[in-house]
Amino acid sequence: ASPLQGGSRGISPSGEWIVVYLKEAAPGNALIFIYKGS
């Protein structure tokens, strides 16, 4: 699932702050941040 589609919400228990970061940052930066956090 693509994190841009909200899939990140089910990837980890920290999905809440991941979603917040997606809203705060550019898609590319958020995507990198999610991979680092996984």
Protein backbone atom coordinates (compact mmCIF):
# COMPACT_ATOMS: atom_id res chain seq x y z
CA ALA A 1 0.00 0.00 0.00
CA SER A 2 1.24 3.48 -0.78
CA PRO A 3 1.76 5.75 2.25
CA LEU A 4 0.20 8.54 0.22
CA GLN A 5 -3.02 6.52 0.25
CA GLY A 6 -3.09 6.32 4.05
CA GLY A 7 -1.56 2.84 4.10
CA SER A 8 0.98 4.06 6.65
CA ARG A 9 -1.81 4.11 9.23
CA GLY A 10 -1.71 0.31 9.33
CA ILE A 11 2.03 -0.21 8.91
CA SER A 12 3.06 0.56 12.48
CA PRO A 13 1.61 1.53 15.88
CA SER A 14 3.22 4.93 15.31
CA GLY A 15 1.02 5.47 12.27
CA GLU A 16 -0.49 8.55 13.88
CA TRP A 17 2.73 10.55 13.85
CA ILE A 18 3.60 9.16 10.42
CA VAL A 19 0.33 10.56 9.05
CA VAL A 20 1.03 13.88 10.76
CA TYR A 21 4.49 13.94 9.15
CA LEU A 22 2.92 13.24 5.77
CA LYS A 23 0.78 16.33 6.21
CA GLU A 24 3.74 18.42 7.42
CA ALA A 25 6.32 17.36 4.84
CA ALA A 26 6.62 16.87 1.10
CA PRO A 27 5.59 13.40 -0.19
CA GLY A 28 9.19 12.45 -1.02
CA ASN A 29 10.50 13.42 2.40
CA ALA A 30 7.63 11.68 4.17
CA LEU A 31 8.20 8.51 2.14
CA ILE A 32 11.88 8.41 3.14
CA PHE A 33 10.97 9.07 6.78
CA ILE A 34 8.48 6.18 6.77
CA TYR A 35 11.05 3.77 5.34
CA LYS A 36 13.56 4.81 8.02
CA GLY A 37 10.95 4.34 10.73
CA SER A 38 9.80 0.92 9.55
